[in-house]
N, C-alpha and C. Protein backbone atom coordinates (compact mmCIF):
# COMPACT_ATOMS: atom_id res chain seq x y z
N MET A 1 0.50 -6.15 22.98
CA MET A 1 -0.34 -4.89 22.95
C MET A 1 -1.10 -5.51 21.17
N SER A 2 -2.65 -4.74 21.26
CA SER A 2 -3.37 -5.01 20.56
C SER A 2 -3.10 -4.37 19.09
N ILE A 3 -3.21 -4.36 17.75
CA ILE A 3 -2.80 -3.84 16.04
C ILE A 3 -4.54 -3.22 16.36
N PRO A 4 -4.16 -2.11 15.97
CA PRO A 4 -5.13 -0.89 16.01
C PRO A 4 -5.82 -1.42 15.02
N ALA A 5 -7.51 -0.89 14.16
CA ALA A 5 -8.01 -1.57 13.55
C ALA A 5 -7.61 -1.29 12.41
N ILE A 6 -7.20 -1.87 10.95
CA ILE A 6 -6.71 -1.74 9.98
C ILE A 6 -6.96 -0.88 9.04
N THR A 7 -8.61 -0.50 8.71
CA THR A 7 -9.18 -0.32 7.72
C THR A 7 -9.99 1.09 8.83
N MET A 8 -10.70 1.35 7.51
CA MET A 8 -11.85 2.62 7.24
C MET A 8 -12.72 1.87 7.48
N SER A 9 -13.90 1.92 7.26
CA SER A 9 -15.20 0.98 7.58
C SER A 9 -15.11 0.27 6.74
N ALA A 10 -15.24 0.70 5.29
CA ALA A 10 -15.17 0.09 4.23
C ALA A 10 -14.12 -0.91 4.20
N LEU A 11 -13.25 -0.77 4.77
CA LEU A 11 -12.07 -2.17 4.69
C LEU A 11 -12.34 -3.21 5.94
N ARG A 12 -12.63 -2.24 6.96
CA ARG A 12 -13.07 -3.19 8.00
C ARG A 12 -13.39 -4.52 7.68
N GLN A 13 -14.70 -4.25 6.45
CA GLN A 13 -15.42 -5.54 6.06
C GLN A 13 -14.44 -6.29 4.70
N LEU A 14 -13.40 -6.22 4.99
CA LEU A 14 -12.80 -6.63 3.89
C LEU A 14 -12.33 -6.13 2.49
N GLY A 15 -12.85 -4.61 2.15
CA GLY A 15 -13.15 -4.63 1.31
C GLY A 15 -12.19 -4.29 0.24
N TRP A 16 -11.12 -3.73 0.71
CA TRP A 16 -10.07 -4.07 0.18
C TRP A 16 -9.60 -5.43 -0.87
N SER A 17 -10.03 -6.28 -0.02
CA SER A 17 -10.54 -7.67 -0.84
C SER A 17 -10.53 -7.91 -2.09
N ALA A 18 -11.08 -7.26 -2.49
CA ALA A 18 -11.79 -6.76 -3.88
C ALA A 18 -10.45 -6.39 -4.80
N LEU A 19 -9.95 -5.63 -4.16
CA LEU A 19 -8.90 -5.11 -5.25
C LEU A 19 -7.92 -6.42 -5.67
N LEU A 20 -7.73 -7.24 -3.97
CA LEU A 20 -6.79 -8.59 -4.30
C LEU A 20 -7.53 -9.71 -5.23
N ALA A 21 -8.77 -10.06 -5.22
CA ALA A 21 -9.54 -10.98 -5.82
C ALA A 21 -10.15 -10.16 -6.78
N GLY A 22 -10.79 -8.85 -7.50
CA GLY A 22 -11.40 -8.76 -8.31
C GLY A 22 -10.63 -8.51 -9.28
N ALA A 23 -9.57 -9.07 -9.59
CA ALA A 23 -9.44 -8.89 -10.57
C ALA A 23 -9.40 -10.46 -11.28
N ALA A 24 -0.47 15.20 -3.40
CA ALA A 24 0.89 13.98 -2.71
C ALA A 24 2.08 14.93 -3.14
N SER A 25 2.02 13.66 -1.86
CA SER A 25 3.76 14.63 -2.64
C SER A 25 4.47 13.47 -1.68
N TRP A 26 5.67 13.20 -2.88
CA TRP A 26 6.91 12.55 -2.61
C TRP A 26 8.04 13.23 -1.83
N ALA A 27 8.72 12.39 -0.97
CA ALA A 27 9.38 12.42 -0.05
C ALA A 27 10.40 12.17 -1.42
N HIS A 28 12.14 13.36 -0.74
CA HIS A 28 13.08 13.30 -1.46
C HIS A 28 13.86 12.39 -0.83
N ALA A 29 14.83 12.06 -2.47
CA ALA A 29 15.44 10.55 -2.03
C ALA A 29 16.45 10.55 -0.97
N ASP A 30 16.61 11.53 -0.17
CA ASP A 30 17.56 11.97 0.73
C ASP A 30 16.79 11.59 2.21
N ASP A 31 15.26 11.31 2.15
CA ASP A 31 14.65 11.03 3.59
C ASP A 31 14.78 9.66 3.54
N VAL A 32 14.90 9.02 2.57
CA VAL A 32 15.60 7.36 3.13
C VAL A 32 17.08 7.12 3.22
N ALA A 33 17.41 6.45 4.31
CA ALA A 33 18.35 5.69 4.76
C ALA A 33 18.82 4.75 3.43
N ALA A 34 17.94 3.38 3.26
CA ALA A 34 18.67 2.74 2.59
C ALA A 34 17.87 2.13 2.03
N ARG A 35 17.96 0.54 1.29
CA ARG A 35 17.40 -0.17 0.51
C ARG A 35 16.82 -1.44 1.56
N GLN A 36 15.93 -2.05 1.89
CA GLN A 36 14.99 -3.02 1.96
C GLN A 36 14.80 -4.26 1.31
N LEU A 37 15.29 -5.28 1.60
CA LEU A 37 14.67 -6.24 0.84
C LEU A 37 13.76 -6.95 1.14
N VAL A 38 12.08 -7.27 0.55
CA VAL A 38 10.88 -7.58 1.11
C VAL A 38 10.72 -8.74 0.51
N GLU A 39 10.47 -10.27 0.89
CA GLU A 39 10.41 -11.90 0.48
C GLU A 39 9.00 -12.19 0.61
N PHE A 40 8.33 -12.17 -0.66
CA PHE A 40 6.86 -12.48 -1.23
C PHE A 40 7.55 -14.01 -1.44
N GLY A 41 7.63 -15.25 -1.12
CA GLY A 41 7.48 -16.88 -1.17
C GLY A 41 8.74 -16.94 -1.94
N ASP A 42 8.65 -17.17 -3.35
CA ASP A 42 9.60 -17.04 -4.09
C ASP A 42 10.40 -15.71 -4.71
N ALA A 43 9.79 -14.77 -4.58
CA ALA A 43 9.93 -13.21 -5.39
C ALA A 43 10.90 -12.51 -4.05
N THR A 44 11.69 -11.35 -4.44
CA THR A 44 12.38 -10.67 -3.12
C THR A 44 12.21 -9.67 -4.19
N VAL A 45 11.60 -8.62 -3.83
CA VAL A 45 11.37 -6.81 -4.19
C VAL A 45 13.02 -6.45 -3.00
N SER A 46 12.90 -5.17 -3.49
CA SER A 46 13.98 -4.15 -2.70
C SER A 46 13.25 -2.95 -3.01
N LEU A 47 13.29 -2.09 -1.84
CA LEU A 47 12.67 -0.57 -2.09
C LEU A 47 13.28 0.21 -0.99
N ALA A 48 13.25 1.50 -0.97
CA ALA A 48 13.78 2.60 -0.12
C ALA A 48 13.04 2.23 0.93
N TRP A 49 14.00 2.58 2.22
CA TRP A 49 13.81 2.49 3.28
C TRP A 49 14.07 3.84 4.47
N SER A 50 13.04 3.56 4.92
CA SER A 50 13.20 4.52 6.49
C SER A 50 13.69 3.64 7.31
N PRO A 51 14.82 4.05 8.57
CA PRO A 51 15.56 3.85 9.43
C PRO A 51 14.39 2.98 10.49
N ASN A 52 13.24 3.80 10.51
CA ASN A 52 12.65 3.58 11.57
C ASN A 52 10.96 3.09 10.99
N TRP A 53 11.41 1.93 10.43
CA TRP A 53 10.44 1.10 9.77
C TRP A 53 10.86 -0.57 10.43
N GLN A 54 9.77 -0.98 10.47
CA GLN A 54 9.97 -2.19 11.00
C GLN A 54 9.18 -2.79 10.08
N LEU A 55 9.92 -3.84 9.80
CA LEU A 55 8.68 -4.62 8.67
C LEU A 55 8.19 -6.60 9.65
N GLU A 56 7.39 -6.79 8.86
CA GLU A 56 7.10 -8.04 9.37
C GLU A 56 6.37 -9.25 8.86
N SER A 57 6.75 -10.07 8.24
CA SER A 57 6.26 -11.18 7.25
C SER A 57 4.90 -11.93 7.80
N THR A 58 4.56 -11.90 9.04
CA THR A 58 3.57 -12.00 9.25
C THR A 58 2.59 -11.08 10.24
N PRO A 59 2.11 -10.33 9.65
CA PRO A 59 1.06 -9.55 10.16
C PRO A 59 0.46 -9.71 11.47
N HIS A 60 -0.15 -9.22 11.42
CA HIS A 60 -1.60 -9.56 12.83
C HIS A 60 -2.52 -8.77 11.97
N GLY A 61 -4.12 -9.58 12.39
CA GLY A 61 -5.56 -9.38 11.52
C GLY A 61 -5.52 -9.90 10.25
N LYS A 62 -6.86 -9.88 10.05
CA LYS A 62 -6.95 -10.96 8.63
C LYS A 62 -6.38 -10.26 7.20
N VAL A 63 -5.68 -11.09 7.01
CA VAL A 63 -4.85 -10.00 5.73
C VAL A 63 -4.36 -11.72 4.78
N PRO A 64 -3.89 -11.68 4.01
CA PRO A 64 -4.17 -12.72 2.56
C PRO A 64 -2.88 -13.32 2.89
N PRO A 65 -2.90 -14.49 2.20
CA PRO A 65 -1.01 -15.29 2.66
C PRO A 65 -0.01 -14.55 1.97
N GLY A 66 0.79 -14.31 2.82
CA GLY A 66 2.20 -14.02 1.44
C GLY A 66 2.24 -12.69 2.01
N THR A 67 1.27 -11.59 2.97
CA THR A 67 0.99 -10.53 3.28
C THR A 67 2.60 -9.97 3.88
N VAL A 68 3.04 -8.66 3.64
CA VAL A 68 4.13 -8.85 4.92
C VAL A 68 3.61 -6.86 5.33
N GLU A 69 3.74 -6.52 6.19
CA GLU A 69 3.88 -5.14 6.63
C GLU A 69 4.55 -4.05 7.19
N VAL A 70 4.80 -3.24 6.89
CA VAL A 70 5.96 -2.15 7.43
C VAL A 70 5.03 -1.22 8.02
N HIS A 71 5.65 -0.64 8.76
CA HIS A 71 5.42 0.17 10.22
C HIS A 71 6.17 0.84 10.45
N ALA A 72 6.06 1.78 11.43
CA ALA A 72 6.62 2.81 11.71
C ALA A 72 6.18 2.47 13.61
N PRO A 73 7.04 2.82 14.13
CA PRO A 73 7.30 2.17 15.66
C PRO A 73 5.76 2.56 16.15
N ASP A 74 4.88 3.63 16.45
CA ASP A 74 3.75 2.85 16.22
C ASP A 74 2.93 3.21 15.62
N ARG A 75 2.19 2.32 15.23
CA ARG A 75 1.13 1.45 14.15
C ARG A 75 0.19 2.45 14.07
N LEU A 76 -0.08 3.33 14.25
CA LEU A 76 -1.94 4.03 14.63
C LEU A 76 -1.14 5.19 13.52
N GLN A 77 0.58 5.29 13.70
CA GLN A 77 0.85 6.63 12.89
C GLN A 77 1.19 6.50 11.32
N MET A 78 1.58 4.89 10.87
CA MET A 78 1.89 4.14 9.92
C MET A 78 2.05 3.13 9.77
N THR A 79 1.15 2.33 8.49
CA THR A 79 0.94 0.57 8.26
C THR A 79 0.95 0.94 7.26
N THR A 80 1.67 0.29 6.90
CA THR A 80 1.56 -0.30 5.26
C THR A 80 0.94 -2.04 4.82
N LEU A 81 0.18 -2.94 4.51
CA LEU A 81 0.03 -3.87 4.07
C LEU A 81 1.05 -3.31 2.40
N LEU A 82 1.64 -5.02 2.66
CA LEU A 82 1.78 -5.51 0.45
C LEU A 82 1.50 -6.58 0.94
N THR A 83 1.04 -7.01 -0.58
CA THR A 83 0.27 -8.43 -0.83
C THR A 83 0.93 -9.09 -2.56
N PRO A 84 1.44 -9.70 -2.47
CA PRO A 84 1.69 -10.24 -4.31
C PRO A 84 0.21 -10.70 -4.21
N ILE A 85 0.51 -10.22 -6.07
CA ILE A 85 -1.08 -10.45 -6.34
C ILE A 85 -0.82 -11.98 -7.51
N GLY A 86 -1.17 -12.98 -7.51
CA GLY A 86 -1.34 -14.29 -8.27
C GLY A 86 -1.98 -14.13 -9.45
N MET A 87 -1.98 -13.26 -10.34
CA MET A 87 -3.88 -13.33 -10.86
C MET A 87 -2.83 -12.87 -12.23
N PRO A 88 -2.67 -13.51 -12.84
CA PRO A 88 -2.28 -13.24 -14.74
C PRO A 88 -2.65 -12.50 -15.39
N GLY A 89 -2.34 -11.97 -16.32
CA GLY A 89 -2.76 -10.46 -17.06
C GLY A 89 -2.79 -9.44 -16.27
N LEU A 90 -2.92 -9.34 -14.82
CA LEU A 90 -2.68 -8.03 -13.99
C LEU A 90 -1.29 -7.33 -13.79
N THR A 91 -0.83 -7.48 -14.67
CA THR A 91 0.62 -6.50 -14.70
C THR A 91 0.20 -5.44 -16.23
N ALA A 92 -0.85 -5.56 -17.11
CA ALA A 92 -1.11 -5.12 -17.94
C ALA A 92 -1.39 -3.51 -17.67
N ASP A 93 -1.19 -2.13 -17.87
CA ASP A 93 -1.61 -0.71 -17.57
C ASP A 93 -2.83 -0.98 -17.42
N ALA A 94 -3.57 -1.12 -18.23
CA ALA A 94 -5.09 -1.45 -18.47
C ALA A 94 -5.65 -1.75 -17.59
N ALA A 95 -5.23 -2.87 -16.91
CA ALA A 95 -5.99 -4.21 -15.69
C ALA A 95 -6.24 -3.32 -14.65
N MET A 96 -4.11 -2.75 -14.33
CA MET A 96 -4.52 -2.43 -13.06
C MET A 96 -5.44 -1.10 -12.68
N GLN A 97 -5.28 -0.04 -13.98
CA GLN A 97 -6.18 1.32 -14.37
C GLN A 97 -6.92 0.73 -13.03
N ASP A 98 -8.14 -0.32 -14.35
CA ASP A 98 -9.06 -0.77 -14.57
C ASP A 98 -9.40 -1.22 -12.47
N LEU A 99 -8.69 -2.25 -12.26
CA LEU A 99 -9.30 -2.76 -11.26
C LEU A 99 -9.25 -1.67 -9.96
N VAL A 100 -7.88 -0.22 -10.09
CA VAL A 100 -7.99 -0.18 -9.04
C VAL A 100 -8.82 1.05 -9.00
N ALA A 101 -9.77 1.76 -9.84
CA ALA A 101 -10.48 2.80 -10.25
C ALA A 101 -12.00 2.29 -9.91
N LYS A 102 -12.43 0.42 -10.05
CA LYS A 102 -13.32 0.05 -9.14
C LYS A 102 -13.42 0.02 -7.94
N SER A 103 -11.93 -0.54 -7.70
CA SER A 103 -12.18 -0.71 -5.97
C SER A 103 -11.89 0.50 -5.33
N SER A 104 -11.55 1.41 -5.59
CA SER A 104 -12.15 3.01 -5.40
C SER A 104 -13.37 3.47 -5.14
N LYS A 105 -14.18 2.83 -5.88
CA LYS A 105 -16.21 3.16 -5.47
C LYS A 105 -16.11 2.90 -3.95
N GLN A 106 -16.14 2.25 -3.08
CA GLN A 106 -16.06 1.20 -2.20
C GLN A 106 -15.60 2.00 -0.97
N PHE A 107 -15.15 3.57 -1.50
CA PHE A 107 -14.83 4.35 0.16
C PHE A 107 -15.54 5.53 -0.37
N GLU A 108 -16.82 5.47 -1.50
CA GLU A 108 -16.67 6.83 -1.85
C GLU A 108 -18.18 7.35 -0.89
N GLY A 109 -18.71 6.83 -0.34
CA GLY A 109 -19.44 7.57 0.45
C GLY A 109 -18.92 7.25 1.86
N GLN A 110 -17.87 7.11 2.31
CA GLN A 110 -16.90 7.57 3.69
C GLN A 110 -16.15 8.51 3.68
N ALA A 111 -15.76 8.48 1.92
CA ALA A 111 -14.17 9.34 1.67
C ALA A 111 -14.99 11.14 1.98
N VAL A 112 -14.12 11.69 2.54
CA VAL A 112 -13.58 13.37 2.40
C VAL A 112 -14.24 13.61 1.05
N GLU A 113 -13.42 13.15 0.03
CA GLU A 113 -12.80 13.52 -1.09
C GLU A 113 -14.58 13.43 -1.92
N LYS A 114 -14.46 13.92 -2.98
CA LYS A 114 -16.02 14.24 -3.87
C LYS A 114 -15.68 13.49 -5.31
N GLU A 115 -14.12 13.68 -4.99
CA GLU A 115 -14.01 13.12 -6.61
C GLU A 115 -12.77 12.30 -6.21
N ILE A 116 -12.39 10.73 -6.15
CA ILE A 116 -11.38 10.12 -5.73
C ILE A 116 -10.47 9.90 -7.24
N LYS A 117 -9.87 10.46 -6.85
CA LYS A 117 -8.39 10.54 -8.33
C LYS A 117 -7.14 9.58 -8.26
N LEU A 118 -7.46 8.81 -9.66
CA LEU A 118 -6.57 7.97 -9.97
C LEU A 118 -5.19 8.58 -10.10
N GLN A 119 -3.87 7.97 -9.45
CA GLN A 119 -2.79 8.71 -9.66
C GLN A 119 -1.74 7.36 -10.16
N ARG A 120 -0.76 7.42 -10.44
CA ARG A 120 -0.45 6.70 -11.78
C ARG A 120 1.16 6.34 -10.41
N ILE A 121 2.11 5.01 -10.92
CA ILE A 121 3.77 5.15 -10.39
C ILE A 121 4.06 4.59 -11.38
N SER A 122 5.03 5.34 -12.19
CA SER A 122 6.12 4.81 -12.70
C SER A 122 7.46 5.13 -13.22
N SER A 123 7.86 4.08 -13.08
CA SER A 123 9.27 4.13 -12.82
C SER A 123 9.96 3.27 -13.54
N ALA A 124 11.66 3.59 -14.01
CA ALA A 124 11.92 2.67 -14.90
C ALA A 124 11.48 0.88 -14.61
N GLU A 125 11.58 0.57 -13.31
CA GLU A 125 11.13 -0.77 -12.74
C GLU A 125 9.47 -1.43 -12.72
N ALA A 126 8.65 -0.14 -12.33
CA ALA A 126 7.86 0.03 -11.43
C ALA A 126 6.58 0.49 -12.19
N HIS A 127 5.70 0.20 -12.25
CA HIS A 127 4.64 1.26 -12.45
C HIS A 127 3.15 0.31 -12.02
N GLY A 128 2.10 1.26 -11.37
CA GLY A 128 0.98 0.98 -11.58
C GLY A 128 0.07 2.13 -10.92
N TYR A 129 -0.93 2.09 -10.12
CA TYR A 129 -2.13 3.31 -9.70
C TYR A 129 -2.02 2.94 -8.63
N PHE A 130 -2.68 3.89 -7.98
CA PHE A 130 -3.16 3.87 -6.47
C PHE A 130 -4.19 5.49 -6.43
N VAL A 131 -4.83 5.19 -5.25
CA VAL A 131 -5.87 6.23 -4.81
C VAL A 131 -5.72 6.89 -3.65
N CYS A 132 -6.04 7.71 -2.76
CA CYS A 132 -5.61 7.93 -1.63
C CYS A 132 -7.16 8.83 -1.32
N VAL A 133 -7.62 8.44 0.61
CA VAL A 133 -9.04 8.37 0.54
C VAL A 133 -9.13 8.96 1.97
N THR A 134 -9.73 9.93 2.34
CA THR A 134 -9.90 10.46 3.84
C THR A 134 -11.12 10.31 4.46
N ASP A 135 -10.71 9.20 5.55
CA ASP A 135 -12.29 8.93 6.80
C ASP A 135 -13.08 10.12 7.11
N LYS A 136 -14.11 10.18 6.57
CA LYS A 136 -15.45 11.22 7.50
C LYS A 136 -15.25 11.10 8.68
N ALA A 137 -14.95 10.04 9.44
CA ALA A 137 -15.55 9.93 10.35
C ALA A 137 -14.76 8.90 11.67
N PRO A 138 -13.51 8.85 11.14
CA PRO A 138 -12.75 7.61 11.58
C PRO A 138 -12.88 7.64 13.36
N LYS A 139 -13.18 5.87 13.38
CA LYS A 139 -13.39 5.04 15.10
C LYS A 139 -11.63 5.92 15.71
N PRO A 140 -11.97 5.67 17.05
CA PRO A 140 -11.09 5.70 17.94
C PRO A 140 -9.37 4.14 17.76
N ASP A 141 -8.84 4.47 17.19
CA ASP A 141 -7.79 3.06 16.78
C ASP A 141 -7.91 3.04 15.48
N GLU A 142 -8.53 3.21 14.21
CA GLU A 142 -8.27 3.49 13.32
C GLU A 142 -7.91 4.44 13.02
N TYR A 143 -7.98 4.72 11.09
CA TYR A 143 -6.91 5.56 10.64
C TYR A 143 -8.16 6.39 10.10
N LYS A 144 -7.28 7.41 9.73
CA LYS A 144 -7.93 8.51 8.86
C LYS A 144 -7.68 8.55 7.34
N PHE A 145 -6.42 8.40 6.98
CA PHE A 145 -6.19 8.10 5.71
C PHE A 145 -5.35 7.05 5.27
N LEU A 146 -5.77 6.49 3.56
CA LEU A 146 -5.99 5.56 2.70
C LEU A 146 -5.45 6.11 1.85
N CYS A 147 -3.95 5.40 0.88
CA CYS A 147 -4.17 5.29 0.12
C CYS A 147 -3.53 3.70 -0.30
N GLN A 148 -4.61 3.47 -1.66
CA GLN A 148 -4.21 2.28 -1.86
C GLN A 148 -4.21 1.78 -3.03
N GLY A 149 -3.34 0.67 -4.04
CA GLY A 149 -3.41 0.52 -5.29
C GLY A 149 -2.23 -0.72 -5.55
N ILE A 150 -2.45 -0.65 -6.52
CA ILE A 150 -1.32 -1.79 -7.19
C ILE A 150 -0.04 -1.37 -8.03
N VAL A 151 0.81 -2.08 -8.06
CA VAL A 151 2.25 -1.76 -8.53
C VAL A 151 3.02 -2.77 -8.64
N THR A 152 3.94 -2.70 -10.43
CA THR A 152 3.79 -4.08 -10.81
C THR A 152 5.42 -3.75 -10.75
N VAL A 153 6.17 -5.12 -10.40
CA VAL A 153 7.56 -5.21 -10.80
C VAL A 153 7.82 -6.25 -11.24
N GLN A 154 8.64 -6.04 -12.45
CA GLN A 154 8.59 -7.47 -13.56
C GLN A 154 7.36 -7.71 -13.65
N GLU A 155 7.00 -9.43 -13.72
CA GLU A 155 5.56 -9.90 -13.94
C GLU A 155 4.79 -9.83 -12.36
N LEU A 156 5.64 -9.01 -11.18
CA LEU A 156 5.20 -9.25 -10.12
C LEU A 156 4.29 -8.33 -9.89
N PRO A 157 2.64 -8.27 -9.50
CA PRO A 157 1.31 -7.58 -9.08
C PRO A 157 1.49 -7.27 -7.94
N ILE A 158 1.77 -6.53 -7.01
CA ILE A 158 1.69 -6.55 -5.74
C ILE A 158 0.55 -5.08 -5.01
N SER A 159 0.06 -5.87 -4.50
CA SER A 159 -1.30 -4.74 -3.80
C SER A 159 -0.66 -4.06 -2.64
N PHE A 160 -1.13 -2.71 -2.74
CA PHE A 160 -0.75 -2.24 -1.24
C PHE A 160 -1.33 -1.63 -0.87
N THR A 161 -1.56 -0.88 0.64
CA THR A 161 -2.61 -0.46 1.42
C THR A 161 -1.52 0.62 2.22
N VAL A 162 -1.57 1.77 2.37
CA VAL A 162 -1.27 2.53 3.47
C VAL A 162 -1.71 3.27 4.01
N LEU A 163 -1.93 2.95 5.60
CA LEU A 163 -2.55 3.76 6.19
C LEU A 163 -1.90 4.56 7.44
N TYR A 164 -2.52 5.51 7.50
CA TYR A 164 -1.76 6.48 8.71
C TYR A 164 -2.51 7.54 8.92
N ASN A 165 -2.12 8.60 9.85
CA ASN A 165 -3.26 9.11 10.66
C ASN A 165 -2.14 10.83 10.59
N ASP A 166 -2.91 11.39 11.09
CA ASP A 166 -2.29 13.00 10.97
C ASP A 166 -0.70 13.17 11.34
N GLY A 167 0.02 12.68 12.19
CA GLY A 167 1.12 12.15 12.56
C GLY A 167 2.48 11.48 11.18
N GLY A 168 1.49 10.32 10.95
CA GLY A 168 2.10 9.89 10.48
C GLY A 168 2.04 10.12 8.92
N LYS A 169 2.19 11.43 8.88
CA LYS A 169 1.99 11.96 6.82
C LYS A 169 3.12 11.44 6.69
N SER A 170 4.27 12.07 6.92
CA SER A 170 5.91 11.68 6.64
C SER A 170 6.23 10.53 5.73
N ASP A 171 6.20 9.53 7.04
CA ASP A 171 5.53 8.34 6.66
C ASP A 171 4.97 7.60 5.63
N ALA A 172 4.26 8.16 5.50
CA ALA A 172 3.18 7.65 4.36
C ALA A 172 3.87 8.63 3.01
N ASP A 173 4.31 9.71 3.04
CA ASP A 173 5.06 10.16 1.86
C ASP A 173 6.40 9.05 1.66
N ARG A 174 7.19 8.99 2.60
CA ARG A 174 8.21 8.13 2.18
C ARG A 174 7.64 6.63 1.39
N MET A 175 6.69 6.02 2.12
CA MET A 175 6.45 4.76 1.59
C MET A 175 5.57 4.69 0.31
N LEU A 176 5.24 5.91 0.06
CA LEU A 176 4.72 6.32 -1.40
C LEU A 176 5.77 6.27 -2.13
N SER A 177 6.79 7.25 -1.67
CA SER A 177 8.26 7.74 -2.58
C SER A 177 8.53 6.35 -2.77
N ALA A 178 8.79 5.30 -1.67
CA ALA A 178 9.54 3.80 -1.78
C ALA A 178 9.20 3.21 -3.09
N LEU A 179 7.58 3.14 -2.70
CA LEU A 179 6.41 2.11 -3.72
C LEU A 179 6.94 2.36 -5.21
N LYS A 180 7.48 3.77 -5.29
CA LYS A 180 8.30 4.63 -6.76
C LYS A 180 9.32 4.05 -7.39
N THR A 181 10.28 3.42 -5.78
CA THR A 181 11.37 2.52 -6.31
C THR A 181 11.60 1.73 -6.25
N ILE A 182 10.38 0.61 -6.50
CA ILE A 182 10.67 -0.65 -5.87
C ILE A 182 11.15 -1.51 -7.44
N GLN A 183 12.02 -2.69 -6.85
CA GLN A 183 12.36 -3.24 -8.03
C GLN A 183 12.56 -4.61 -7.69
N ALA A 184 12.75 -5.30 -8.92
CA ALA A 184 13.47 -6.66 -8.68
C ALA A 184 14.52 -6.68 -8.10
N ALA A 185 14.94 -7.59 -6.41
CA ALA A 185 16.18 -7.74 -5.95
C ALA A 185 17.12 -8.22 -7.08
N LYS A 186 17.99 -8.17 -7.14
CA LYS A 186 19.38 -8.50 -7.85
C LYS A 186 19.08 -10.01 -7.59
N GLN A 187 19.92 -10.34 -8.09
CA GLN A 187 20.46 -12.53 -7.74
C GLN A 187 21.77 -12.16 -7.66
N THR A 188 22.85 -12.68 -6.66
CA THR A 188 23.97 -12.79 -6.49
C THR A 188 24.43 -13.88 -6.57
């Protein structure tokens, strides 16, 4: 099975790399069954996990090194790409906010939304920003909805892209909620 196109038109040309190189509703806790460890080289994080999600450490397509993919059984329902960013200073709140806001401009011509709103992630261990947009005219085997941003856990900034279609909204909501619960994995 070939993986569906990972992006809207702007992302198809790796526009989301600007987020990497250029530096709603939330699901209820009882909708998420457990926590999952996700490894990024030397770093490991833990996040709330839905039992139907699958984790791939070597996703298909053109993605930056270190990227992991989380997806629903049907990738066209929901796929999330998580990539650690090795950029000093990107953990500062203002730097994340500025980078996500600037990178969201790439979606302006293709998005249904007239104003792309910056949303905040803030918890005891994680903070960051993201935007969500709707593609005006998604092609077959592409995604209609996209949420993209940065979340920092301790000193590890992680870029994320949540892609989904109408049938994947609940999984996408759970993923956005899970990103609010992300934390550094406890060393044993």
